[in-house]
Amino acid sequence: MFCVRVPASTSNLGCGFDTFGLALSLYNEFFFERWQKFTVEGEGEGTNLPKDENNLFIRAYLKACEYFGEDPKPIRVIQKNSIPTGRGLGSSATAIIGGITAFEILHSKRLSQEEKLKLAISMEPHPDNLSPALLGGFVISLWDGKRLIYTKMDFPEDIKVVVAVPNFELSTDIARSILEQKVSLSDAVNNIQRASLMMASLCKREYDLLKEAVKDRLHQPYRAKLIPGFFKVMDRAYQEGALAVFLSGAGPSVASFSNRNFENIGKAMTKAFEEEGITARYLVLDVDQEGTKIYEGFNS
């Protein structure tokens, strides 16, 4: 039996819509072995996920088999999921990357990072979660429908990510459907300026600039309408000393960068959700720098 461990990720980071992605120290583990038929068992988050070939992990494995002209080998998969589903933390990206990695192992194939990402993008055309799930760390990804360009950047070691996770799911398709297809020149300039500012503030460790850098006009103002209390959650985090607060991916989780007061920030964010009648929990996470890891045996 083999295990593939894939990290969660937060994407967009406010100003970097469909571009910035950051791997987090929260993981889904996929244990698998040859079996008589495809079957999936689940533990932890997402126990309602499909238990057969409709499971995203197996779909990704089968997609890889089809792409490379290999006959599928039925497998038994045990998923130990710590990443909440439908919360903007890249749970689907872990299944896709995990399934492609299982193909490599079962069929003794050695795929390049670019091959794996392009195959993954054919299933989910947004590399801002897929890239950090595979590579770890802070990744900038570009995909125009034909070309994939990505690069991994250094990220400050003293910054943690505090995430408030509300107790409801939000479909990425719904969260994307409410976005404007055309934007004004001033909104486009706003995000170009702040994405550039974020890169400079992280590289130079000028953390006082991060609050301004995450001010987005392309997706957060629209998606905030789907998340009761979003701006209150943001304000409470800043009051407790957060450096930057933003919607995690398509939401509904809200993430913050901080180098202090982690617990106070998490408690303030969840309390703000609760004041809107929504139960929530918080996670204090480091940035994962390793990305997808492979282990042999049941205990990773």
C-alpha atoms as a PDB file:
ATOM      1  CA  MET A   1       0.000   0.000   0.000  1.00  0.00           C
ATOM      2  CA  PHE A   2       1.160   3.507  -0.858  1.00  0.00           C
ATOM      3  CA  CYS A   3       0.168   6.892   0.547  1.00  0.00           C
ATOM      4  CA  VAL A   4       0.059  10.219  -1.254  1.00  0.00           C
ATOM      5  CA  ARG A   5      -0.164  13.241   1.060  1.00  0.00           C
ATOM      6  CA  VAL A   6      -1.282  16.499  -0.569  1.00  0.00           C
ATOM      7  CA  PRO A   7      -1.498  19.896   1.182  1.00  0.00           C
ATOM      8  CA  ALA A   8      -4.408  22.289   1.318  1.00  0.00           C
ATOM      9  CA  SER A   9      -4.056  25.629  -0.389  1.00  0.00           C
ATOM     10  CA  THR A  10      -5.443  29.113  -0.263  1.00  0.00           C
ATOM     11  CA  SER A  11      -5.639  31.035  -3.498  1.00  0.00           C
ATOM     12  CA  ASN A  12      -6.166  34.538  -4.898  1.00  0.00           C
ATOM     13  CA  LEU A  13      -4.850  36.152  -1.690  1.00  0.00           C
ATOM     14  CA  GLY A  14      -7.111  39.095  -2.392  1.00  0.00           C
ATOM     15  CA  CYS A  15      -5.466  40.852  -5.327  1.00  0.00           C
ATOM     16  CA  GLY A  16      -4.013  37.836  -7.162  1.00  0.00           C
ATOM     17  CA  PHE A  17      -7.201  36.492  -8.709  1.00  0.00           C
ATOM     18  CA  ASP A  18      -6.627  33.130 -10.470  1.00  0.00           C
ATOM     19  CA  THR A  19      -2.866  33.673 -10.079  1.00  0.00           C
ATOM     20  CA  PHE A  20      -1.536  33.472  -6.497  1.00  0.00           C
ATOM     21  CA  GLY A  21      -1.625  30.198  -4.544  1.00  0.00           C
ATOM     22  CA  LEU A  22      -0.172  29.193  -1.194  1.00  0.00           C
ATOM     23  CA  ALA A  23       0.178  25.647   0.193  1.00  0.00           C
ATOM     24  CA  LEU A  24      -0.858  25.148   3.827  1.00  0.00           C
ATOM     25  CA  SER A  25       0.057  22.684   6.581  1.00  0.00           C
ATOM     26  CA  LEU A  26      -3.290  20.873   6.412  1.00  0.00           C
ATOM     27  CA  TYR A  27      -3.426  17.627   4.453  1.00  0.00           C
ATOM     28  CA  ASN A  28      -5.487  14.986   2.726  1.00  0.00           C
ATOM     29  CA  GLU A  29      -3.904  11.541   2.679  1.00  0.00           C
ATOM     30  CA  PHE A  30      -4.795   8.953   0.062  1.00  0.00           C
ATOM     31  CA  PHE A  31      -3.810   5.356   0.822  1.00  0.00           C
ATOM     32  CA  PHE A  32      -4.236   2.966  -2.100  1.00  0.00           C
ATOM     33  CA  GLU A  33      -3.494  -0.568  -3.205  1.00  0.00           C
ATOM     34  CA  ARG A  34      -4.389  -2.921  -6.044  1.00  0.00           C
ATOM     35  CA  TRP A  35      -7.869  -4.402  -5.600  1.00  0.00           C
ATOM     36  CA  GLN A  36     -10.563  -6.391  -7.398  1.00  0.00           C
ATOM     37  CA  LYS A  37     -12.585  -3.287  -8.208  1.00  0.00           C
ATOM     38  CA  PHE A  38     -12.509   0.457  -7.662  1.00  0.00           C
ATOM     39  CA  THR A  39     -13.645   1.301  -4.154  1.00  0.00           C
ATOM     40  CA  VAL A  40     -13.179   4.261  -1.822  1.00  0.00           C
ATOM     41  CA  GLU A  41     -13.383   4.485   1.958  1.00  0.00           C
ATOM     42  CA  GLY A  42     -13.339   7.818   3.750  1.00  0.00           C
ATOM     43  CA  GLU A  43     -12.331   9.170   7.135  1.00  0.00           C
ATOM     44  CA  GLY A  44     -12.577  12.723   8.425  1.00  0.00           C
ATOM     45  CA  GLU A  45     -13.888  15.471   6.155  1.00  0.00           C
ATOM     46  CA  GLY A  46     -16.000  14.737   3.105  1.00  0.00           C
ATOM     47  CA  THR A  47     -17.273  11.297   4.106  1.00  0.00           C
ATOM     48  CA  ASN A  48     -20.224  11.879   1.733  1.00  0.00           C
ATOM     49  CA  LEU A  49     -17.919  11.841  -1.301  1.00  0.00           C
ATOM     50  CA  PRO A  50     -18.496   9.141  -3.978  1.00  0.00           C
ATOM     51  CA  LYS A  51     -17.201   5.664  -3.119  1.00  0.00           C
ATOM     52  CA  ASP A  52     -16.692   4.417  -6.692  1.00  0.00           C
ATOM     53  CA  GLU A  53     -15.297   5.573 -10.039  1.00  0.00           C
ATOM     54  CA  ASN A  54     -17.113   8.895  -9.602  1.00  0.00           C
ATOM     55  CA  ASN A  55     -14.737   9.823  -6.794  1.00  0.00           C
ATOM     56  CA  LEU A  56     -12.474  12.654  -7.966  1.00  0.00           C
ATOM     57  CA  PHE A  57      -9.276  10.830  -6.960  1.00  0.00           C
ATOM     58  CA  ILE A  58     -10.202   7.829  -9.118  1.00  0.00           C
ATOM     59  CA  ARG A  59     -11.442  10.069 -11.938  1.00  0.00           C
ATOM     60  CA  ALA A  60      -8.025  11.762 -11.987  1.00  0.00           C
ATOM     61  CA  TYR A  61      -6.292   8.367 -12.021  1.00  0.00           C
ATOM     62  CA  LEU A  62      -8.500   7.187 -14.910  1.00  0.00           C
ATOM     63  CA  LYS A  63      -7.912  10.461 -16.773  1.00  0.00           C
ATOM     64  CA  ALA A  64      -4.157   9.870 -16.551  1.00  0.00           C
ATOM     65  CA  CYS A  65      -4.588   6.288 -17.804  1.00  0.00           C
ATOM     66  CA  GLU A  66      -6.596   7.531 -20.774  1.00  0.00           C
ATOM     67  CA  TYR A  67      -4.143  10.326 -21.562  1.00  0.00           C
ATOM     68  CA  PHE A  68      -1.101   8.034 -21.566  1.00  0.00           C
ATOM     69  CA  GLY A  69      -2.848   5.047 -23.165  1.00  0.00           C
ATOM     70  CA  GLU A  70      -2.537   2.728 -20.146  1.00  0.00           C
ATOM     71  CA  ASP A  71      -5.063   0.103 -19.019  1.00  0.00           C
ATOM     72  CA  PRO A  72      -6.508   1.071 -15.607  1.00  0.00           C
ATOM     73  CA  LYS A  73      -5.701  -1.088 -12.592  1.00  0.00           C
ATOM     74  CA  PRO A  74      -8.579  -1.264 -10.087  1.00  0.00           C
ATOM     75  CA  ILE A  75      -7.604   0.076  -6.675  1.00  0.00           C
ATOM     76  CA  ARG A  76      -8.918   0.397  -3.162  1.00  0.00           C
ATOM     77  CA  VAL A  77      -8.494   3.920  -1.780  1.00  0.00           C
ATOM     78  CA  ILE A  78      -8.687   5.000   1.858  1.00  0.00           C
ATOM     79  CA  GLN A  79      -8.998   8.770   2.152  1.00  0.00           C
ATOM     80  CA  LYS A  80      -7.977  10.439   5.404  1.00  0.00           C
ATOM     81  CA  ASN A  81      -9.257  13.937   4.805  1.00  0.00           C
ATOM     82  CA  SER A  82      -8.394  16.849   7.074  1.00  0.00           C
ATOM     83  CA  ILE A  83      -9.312  19.550   4.534  1.00  0.00           C
ATOM     84  CA  PRO A  84     -12.948  20.702   4.657  1.00  0.00           C
ATOM     85  CA  THR A  85     -14.768  20.343   1.334  1.00  0.00           C
ATOM     86  CA  GLY A  86     -16.378  23.285  -0.447  1.00  0.00           C
ATOM     87  CA  ARG A  87     -14.644  25.852   1.779  1.00  0.00           C
ATOM     88  CA  GLY A  88     -12.063  27.418  -0.549  1.00  0.00           C
ATOM     89  CA  LEU A  89      -9.094  25.406   0.743  1.00  0.00           C
ATOM     90  CA  GLY A  90      -8.266  23.335  -2.315  1.00  0.00           C
ATOM     91  CA  SER A  91      -9.760  19.974  -1.338  1.00  0.00           C
ATOM     92  CA  SER A  92     -10.569  19.099  -4.972  1.00  0.00           C
ATOM     93  CA  ALA A  93      -7.018  19.984  -6.032  1.00  0.00           C
ATOM     94  CA  THR A  94      -5.655  17.423  -3.551  1.00  0.00           C
ATOM     95  CA  ALA A  95      -7.788  14.668  -5.076  1.00  0.00           C
ATOM     96  CA  ILE A  96      -6.741  15.530  -8.629  1.00  0.00           C
ATOM     97  CA  ILE A  97      -3.032  15.751  -7.818  1.00  0.00           C
ATOM     98  CA  GLY A  98      -3.328  12.614  -5.673  1.00  0.00           C
ATOM     99  CA  GLY A  99      -4.972  10.580  -8.432  1.00  0.00           C
ATOM    100  CA  ILE A 100      -2.368  11.594 -11.011  1.00  0.00           C
ATOM    101  CA  THR A 101       0.412  10.717  -8.570  1.00  0.00           C
ATOM    102  CA  ALA A 102      -1.191   7.302  -7.982  1.00  0.00           C
ATOM    103  CA  PHE A 103      -1.034   6.738 -11.739  1.00  0.00           C
ATOM    104  CA  GLU A 104       2.704   7.432 -11.667  1.00  0.00           C
ATOM    105  CA  ILE A 105       3.228   4.867  -8.921  1.00  0.00           C
ATOM    106  CA  LEU A 106       0.964   2.111 -10.229  1.00  0.00           C
ATOM    107  CA  HIS A 107       2.212   2.358 -13.808  1.00  0.00           C
ATOM    108  CA  SER A 108       5.874   3.124 -13.060  1.00  0.00           C
ATOM    109  CA  LYS A 109       5.738   6.415 -14.957  1.00  0.00           C
ATOM    110  CA  ARG A 110       7.860   9.460 -14.220  1.00  0.00           C
ATOM    111  CA  LEU A 111       5.953  12.604 -15.158  1.00  0.00           C
ATOM    112  CA  SER A 112       7.405  16.095 -15.136  1.00  0.00           C
ATOM    113  CA  GLN A 113       5.788  18.720 -12.945  1.00  0.00           C
ATOM    114  CA  GLU A 114       4.504  20.456 -16.059  1.00  0.00           C
ATOM    115  CA  GLU A 115       2.964  17.232 -17.397  1.00  0.00           C
ATOM    116  CA  LYS A 116       1.188  16.632 -14.102  1.00  0.00           C
ATOM    117  CA  LEU A 117      -0.103  20.193 -13.888  1.00  0.00           C
ATOM    118  CA  LYS A 118      -1.333  20.281 -17.485  1.00  0.00           C
ATOM    119  CA  LEU A 119      -3.174  17.012 -16.943  1.00  0.00           C
ATOM    120  CA  ALA A 120      -4.640  18.367 -13.691  1.00  0.00           C
ATOM    121  CA  ILE A 121      -5.727  21.585 -15.425  1.00  0.00           C
ATOM    122  CA  SER A 122      -7.661  19.540 -17.989  1.00  0.00           C
ATOM    123  CA  MET A 123      -9.897  18.535 -15.055  1.00  0.00           C
ATOM    124  CA  GLU A 124      -9.915  21.835 -13.166  1.00  0.00           C
ATOM    125  CA  PRO A 125      -8.729  24.803 -15.258  1.00  0.00           C
ATOM    126  CA  HIS A 126      -7.472  26.887 -12.330  1.00  0.00           C
ATOM    127  CA  PRO A 127      -3.809  26.227 -11.493  1.00  0.00           C
ATOM    128  CA  ASP A 128      -3.738  28.608  -8.510  1.00  0.00           C
ATOM    129  CA  ASN A 129      -4.741  25.695  -6.232  1.00  0.00           C
ATOM    130  CA  LEU A 130      -3.257  22.848  -8.246  1.00  0.00           C
ATOM    131  CA  SER A 131       0.255  24.308  -8.420  1.00  0.00           C
ATOM    132  CA  PRO A 132       0.841  24.770  -4.671  1.00  0.00           C
ATOM    133  CA  ALA A 133      -0.833  21.415  -3.963  1.00  0.00           C
ATOM    134  CA  LEU A 134       1.831  19.765  -6.110  1.00  0.00           C
ATOM    135  CA  LEU A 135       4.846  22.010  -5.477  1.00  0.00           C
ATOM    136  CA  GLY A 136       4.236  23.475  -2.012  1.00  0.00           C
ATOM    137  CA  GLY A 137       4.999  27.042  -1.018  1.00  0.00           C
ATOM    138  CA  PHE A 138       3.925  30.276  -2.709  1.00  0.00           C
ATOM    139  CA  VAL A 139       3.308  29.735  -6.423  1.00  0.00           C
ATOM    140  CA  ILE A 140       2.376  32.168  -9.179  1.00  0.00           C
ATOM    141  CA  SER A 141       0.589  30.417 -12.055  1.00  0.00           C
ATOM    142  CA  LEU A 142      -0.540  31.589 -15.482  1.00  0.00           C
ATOM    143  CA  TRP A 143      -2.879  29.613 -17.746  1.00  0.00           C
ATOM    144  CA  ASP A 144      -4.373  31.062 -20.917  1.00  0.00           C
ATOM    145  CA  GLY A 145      -6.047  27.899 -22.156  1.00  0.00           C
ATOM    146  CA  LYS A 146      -2.949  26.749 -24.028  1.00  0.00           C
ATOM    147  CA  ARG A 147       0.190  27.661 -22.102  1.00  0.00           C
ATOM    148  CA  LEU A 148       1.048  27.016 -18.479  1.00  0.00           C
ATOM    149  CA  ILE A 149       3.675  29.174 -16.791  1.00  0.00           C
ATOM    150  CA  TYR A 150       4.436  28.912 -13.082  1.00  0.00           C
ATOM    151  CA  THR A 151       7.131  29.862 -10.617  1.00  0.00           C
ATOM    152  CA  LYS A 152       7.623  29.214  -6.912  1.00  0.00           C
ATOM    153  CA  MET A 153       8.571  32.165  -4.709  1.00  0.00           C
ATOM    154  CA  ASP A 154      10.019  32.459  -1.225  1.00  0.00           C
ATOM    155  CA  PHE A 155       7.491  33.190   1.504  1.00  0.00           C
ATOM    156  CA  PRO A 156       8.326  34.725   4.899  1.00  0.00           C
ATOM    157  CA  GLU A 157       8.818  31.999   7.514  1.00  0.00           C
ATOM    158  CA  ASP A 158       7.434  34.124  10.352  1.00  0.00           C
ATOM    159  CA  ILE A 159       3.989  34.539   8.767  1.00  0.00           C
ATOM    160  CA  LYS A 160       1.262  32.040   9.614  1.00  0.00           C
ATOM    161  CA  VAL A 161      -2.141  31.759   7.974  1.00  0.00           C
ATOM    162  CA  VAL A 162      -5.135  31.910  10.315  1.00  0.00           C
ATOM    163  CA  VAL A 163      -8.254  30.595   8.583  1.00  0.00           C
ATOM    164  CA  ALA A 164     -11.841  30.942   9.784  1.00  0.00           C
ATOM    165  CA  VAL A 165     -13.889  28.057   8.364  1.00  0.00           C
ATOM    166  CA  PRO A 166     -17.675  28.578   8.507  1.00  0.00           C
ATOM    167  CA  ASN A 167     -20.011  25.618   8.728  1.00  0.00           C
ATOM    168  CA  PHE A 168     -21.403  25.797   5.208  1.00  0.00           C
ATOM    169  CA  GLU A 169     -20.133  24.942   1.750  1.00  0.00           C
ATOM    170  CA  LEU A 170     -19.974  27.248  -1.247  1.00  0.00           C
ATOM    171  CA  SER A 171     -19.808  25.863  -4.762  1.00  0.00           C
ATOM    172  CA  THR A 172     -16.923  27.265  -6.792  1.00  0.00           C
ATOM    173  CA  ASP A 173     -19.205  27.309  -9.848  1.00  0.00           C
ATOM    174  CA  ILE A 174     -21.739  29.482  -8.027  1.00  0.00           C
ATOM    175  CA  ALA A 175     -19.017  31.749  -6.634  1.00  0.00           C
ATOM    176  CA  ARG A 176     -17.608  32.181 -10.156  1.00  0.00           C
ATOM    177  CA  SER A 177     -20.972  32.677 -11.852  1.00  0.00           C
ATOM    178  CA  ILE A 178     -21.645  35.941 -10.011  1.00  0.00           C
ATOM    179  CA  LEU A 179     -18.434  37.604 -11.208  1.00  0.00           C
ATOM    180  CA  GLU A 180     -18.467  40.316 -13.857  1.00  0.00           C
ATOM    181  CA  GLN A 181     -17.151  39.182 -17.234  1.00  0.00           C
ATOM    182  CA  LYS A 182     -15.974  42.704 -18.061  1.00  0.00           C
ATOM    183  CA  VAL A 183     -14.254  45.025 -15.605  1.00  0.00           C
ATOM    184  CA  SER A 184     -13.476  48.714 -15.643  1.00  0.00           C
ATOM    185  CA  LEU A 185     -10.028  50.041 -16.375  1.00  0.00           C
ATOM    186  CA  SER A 186      -9.798  51.473 -12.852  1.00  0.00           C
ATOM    187  CA  ASP A 187     -10.587  48.064 -11.282  1.00  0.00           C
ATOM    188  CA  ALA A 188      -8.001  46.350 -13.472  1.00  0.00           C
ATOM    189  CA  VAL A 189      -5.391  48.961 -12.527  1.00  0.00           C
ATOM    190  CA  ASN A 190      -6.325  48.584  -8.858  1.00  0.00           C
ATOM    191  CA  ASN A 191      -5.485  44.877  -8.902  1.00  0.00           C
ATOM    192  CA  ILE A 192      -2.319  45.251 -10.968  1.00  0.00           C
ATOM    193  CA  GLN A 193      -1.049  47.835  -8.492  1.00  0.00           C
ATOM    194  CA  ARG A 194      -1.873  45.764  -5.431  1.00  0.00           C
ATOM    195  CA  ALA A 195      -0.623  42.459  -6.793  1.00  0.00           C
ATOM    196  CA  SER A 196       2.679  44.200  -7.479  1.00  0.00           C
ATOM    197  CA  LEU A 197       2.608  45.735  -4.016  1.00  0.00           C
ATOM    198  CA  MET A 198       2.042  42.323  -2.438  1.00  0.00           C
ATOM    199  CA  MET A 199       5.070  40.844  -4.168  1.00  0.00           C
ATOM    200  CA  ALA A 200       7.235  43.770  -3.060  1.00  0.00           C
ATOM    201  CA  SER A 201       5.950  43.696   0.520  1.00  0.00           C
ATOM    202  CA  LEU A 202       6.610  39.945   0.857  1.00  0.00           C
ATOM    203  CA  CYS A 203      10.046  40.105  -0.757  1.00  0.00           C
ATOM    204  CA  LYS A 204      11.143  43.088   1.352  1.00  0.00           C
ATOM    205  CA  ARG A 205       9.337  41.937   4.517  1.00  0.00           C
ATOM    206  CA  GLU A 206       7.472  45.251   4.655  1.00  0.00           C
ATOM    207  CA  TYR A 207       4.397  43.781   6.286  1.00  0.00           C
ATOM    208  CA  ASP A 208       2.684  47.097   6.896  1.00  0.00           C
ATOM    209  CA  LEU A 209       1.912  47.209   3.152  1.00  0.00           C
ATOM    210  CA  LEU A 210       0.009  43.918   3.090  1.00  0.00           C
ATOM    211  CA  LYS A 211      -3.309  45.356   4.291  1.00  0.00           C
ATOM    212  CA  GLU A 212      -3.426  47.624   1.268  1.00  0.00           C
ATOM    213  CA  ALA A 213      -2.082  44.925  -1.063  1.00  0.00           C
ATOM    214  CA  VAL A 214      -5.038  42.545  -0.536  1.00  0.00           C
ATOM    215  CA  LYS A 215      -7.707  45.126  -1.441  1.00  0.00           C
ATOM    216  CA  ASP A 216      -9.352  43.445  -4.426  1.00  0.00           C
ATOM    217  CA  ARG A 217     -12.016  44.691  -6.823  1.00  0.00           C
ATOM    218  CA  LEU A 218     -12.341  41.718  -9.189  1.00  0.00           C
ATOM    219  CA  HIS A 219     -13.932  39.006  -7.055  1.00  0.00           C
ATOM    220  CA  GLN A 220     -14.218  39.730  -3.319  1.00  0.00           C
ATOM    221  CA  PRO A 221     -16.886  42.482  -3.532  1.00  0.00           C
ATOM    222  CA  TYR A 222     -19.162  40.113  -5.465  1.00  0.00           C
ATOM    223  CA  ARG A 223     -18.507  36.958  -3.466  1.00  0.00           C
ATOM    224  CA  ALA A 224     -18.902  38.800  -0.172  1.00  0.00           C
ATOM    225  CA  LYS A 225     -22.650  38.840  -0.873  1.00  0.00           C
ATOM    226  CA  LEU A 226     -22.644  35.032  -0.550  1.00  0.00           C
ATOM    227  CA  ILE A 227     -20.848  35.059   2.799  1.00  0.00           C
ATOM    228  CA  PRO A 228     -22.780  36.621   5.697  1.00  0.00           C
ATOM    229  CA  GLY A 229     -20.530  38.744   7.888  1.00  0.00           C
ATOM    230  CA  PHE A 230     -17.516  38.698   5.559  1.00  0.00           C
ATOM    231  CA  PHE A 231     -16.551  42.320   6.155  1.00  0.00           C
ATOM    232  CA  LYS A 232     -17.188  41.995   9.884  1.00  0.00           C
ATOM    233  CA  VAL A 233     -14.890  38.952  10.006  1.00  0.00           C
ATOM    234  CA  MET A 234     -12.255  40.954   8.153  1.00  0.00           C
ATOM    235  CA  ASP A 235     -12.529  43.957  10.481  1.00  0.00           C
ATOM    236  CA  ARG A 236     -12.306  41.837  13.637  1.00  0.00           C
ATOM    237  CA  ALA A 237      -9.150  40.133  12.381  1.00  0.00           C
ATOM    238  CA  TYR A 238      -7.507  43.498  11.714  1.00  0.00           C
ATOM    239  CA  GLN A 239      -8.502  44.700  15.184  1.00  0.00           C
ATOM    240  CA  GLU A 240      -6.545  41.771  16.666  1.00  0.00           C
ATOM    241  CA  GLY A 241      -3.420  42.550  14.653  1.00  0.00           C
ATOM    242  CA  ALA A 242      -3.772  40.616  11.382  1.00  0.00           C
ATOM    243  CA  LEU A 243      -1.440  41.802   8.622  1.00  0.00           C
ATOM    244  CA  ALA A 244      -3.818  40.989   5.753  1.00  0.00           C
ATOM    245  CA  VAL A 245      -7.287  39.444   5.483  1.00  0.00           C
ATOM    246  CA  PHE A 246      -8.869  37.989   2.369  1.00  0.00           C
ATOM    247  CA  LEU A 247     -11.306  35.444   1.031  1.00  0.00           C
ATOM    248  CA  SER A 248      -9.687  32.002   0.747  1.00  0.00           C
ATOM    249  CA  GLY A 249     -10.157  30.925  -2.848  1.00  0.00           C
ATOM    250  CA  ALA A 250     -13.812  31.227  -3.787  1.00  0.00           C
ATOM    251  CA  GLY A 251     -14.795  31.089  -0.102  1.00  0.00           C
ATOM    252  CA  PRO A 252     -16.543  30.840   2.204  1.00  0.00           C
ATOM    253  CA  SER A 253     -13.440  30.516   4.421  1.00  0.00           C
ATOM    254  CA  VAL A 254     -11.668  33.742   5.314  1.00  0.00           C
ATOM    255  CA  ALA A 255      -7.877  33.701   5.672  1.00  0.00           C
ATOM    256  CA  SER A 256      -5.446  36.107   7.276  1.00  0.00           C
ATOM    257  CA  PHE A 257      -1.698  36.586   7.379  1.00  0.00           C
ATOM    258  CA  SER A 258      -0.220  37.236  10.791  1.00  0.00           C
ATOM    259  CA  ASN A 259       3.065  37.086  12.679  1.00  0.00           C
ATOM    260  CA  ARG A 260       1.478  37.397  16.149  1.00  0.00           C
ATOM    261  CA  ASN A 261      -1.776  36.997  18.110  1.00  0.00           C
ATOM    262  CA  PHE A 262      -2.758  33.921  16.102  1.00  0.00           C
ATOM    263  CA  GLU A 263      -5.272  32.533  18.591  1.00  0.00           C
ATOM    264  CA  ASN A 264      -6.879  35.909  19.268  1.00  0.00           C
ATOM    265  CA  ILE A 265      -7.287  36.522  15.551  1.00  0.00           C
ATOM    266  CA  GLY A 266      -8.893  33.118  15.027  1.00  0.00           C
ATOM    267  CA  LYS A 267     -11.287  33.567  17.933  1.00  0.00           C
ATOM    268  CA  ALA A 268     -12.281  37.054  16.757  1.00  0.00           C
ATOM    269  CA  MET A 269     -12.998  35.816  13.238  1.00  0.00           C
ATOM    270  CA  THR A 270     -15.142  32.897  14.370  1.00  0.00           C
ATOM    271  CA  LYS A 271     -17.034  35.099  16.825  1.00  0.00           C
ATOM    272  CA  ALA A 272     -17.888  37.490  13.996  1.00  0.00           C
ATOM    273  CA  PHE A 273     -19.346  34.606  11.998  1.00  0.00           C
ATOM    274  CA  GLU A 274     -21.294  33.428  15.038  1.00  0.00           C
ATOM    275  CA  GLU A 275     -22.829  36.886  15.433  1.00  0.00           C
ATOM    276  CA  GLU A 276     -24.309  36.308  11.971  1.00  0.00           C
ATOM    277  CA  GLY A 277     -25.775  32.991  13.114  1.00  0.00           C
ATOM    278  CA  ILE A 278     -23.047  30.867  11.479  1.00  0.00           C
ATOM    279  CA  THR A 279     -20.960  28.418  13.475  1.00  0.00           C
ATOM    280  CA  ALA A 280     -17.279  28.431  12.534  1.00  0.00           C
ATOM    281  CA  ARG A 281     -13.898  27.155  13.631  1.00  0.00           C
ATOM    282  CA  TYR A 282     -10.419  28.451  13.047  1.00  0.00           C
ATOM    283  CA  LEU A 283      -7.101  26.906  12.033  1.00  0.00           C
ATOM    284  CA  VAL A 284      -3.622  28.305  12.598  1.00  0.00           C
ATOM    285  CA  LEU A 285      -1.501  26.997   9.736  1.00  0.00           C
ATOM    286  CA  ASP A 286       2.056  27.250   8.508  1.00  0.00           C
ATOM    287  CA  VAL A 287       3.008  27.437   4.854  1.00  0.00           C
ATOM    288  CA  ASP A 288       3.793  23.955   3.534  1.00  0.00           C
ATOM    289  CA  GLN A 289       7.008  24.014   1.513  1.00  0.00           C
ATOM    290  CA  GLU A 290       7.143  20.359   0.436  1.00  0.00           C
ATOM    291  CA  GLY A 291       4.004  19.898  -1.636  1.00  0.00           C
ATOM    292  CA  THR A 292       2.879  16.394  -2.568  1.00  0.00           C
ATOM    293  CA  LYS A 293       4.711  13.598  -0.754  1.00  0.00           C
ATOM    294  CA  ILE A 294       4.710   9.832  -1.356  1.00  0.00           C
ATOM    295  CA  TYR A 295       5.013   7.246   1.411  1.00  0.00           C
ATOM    296  CA  GLU A 296       4.987   3.471   1.423  1.00  0.00           C
ATOM    297  CA  GLY A 297       2.825   1.664   3.951  1.00  0.00           C
ATOM    298  CA  PHE A 298      -0.409   2.538   5.743  1.00  0.00           C
ATOM    299  CA  ASN A 299       1.013   4.830   8.419  1.00  0.00           C
ATOM    300  CA  SER A 300       2.495   7.993   6.945  1.00  0.00           C
END
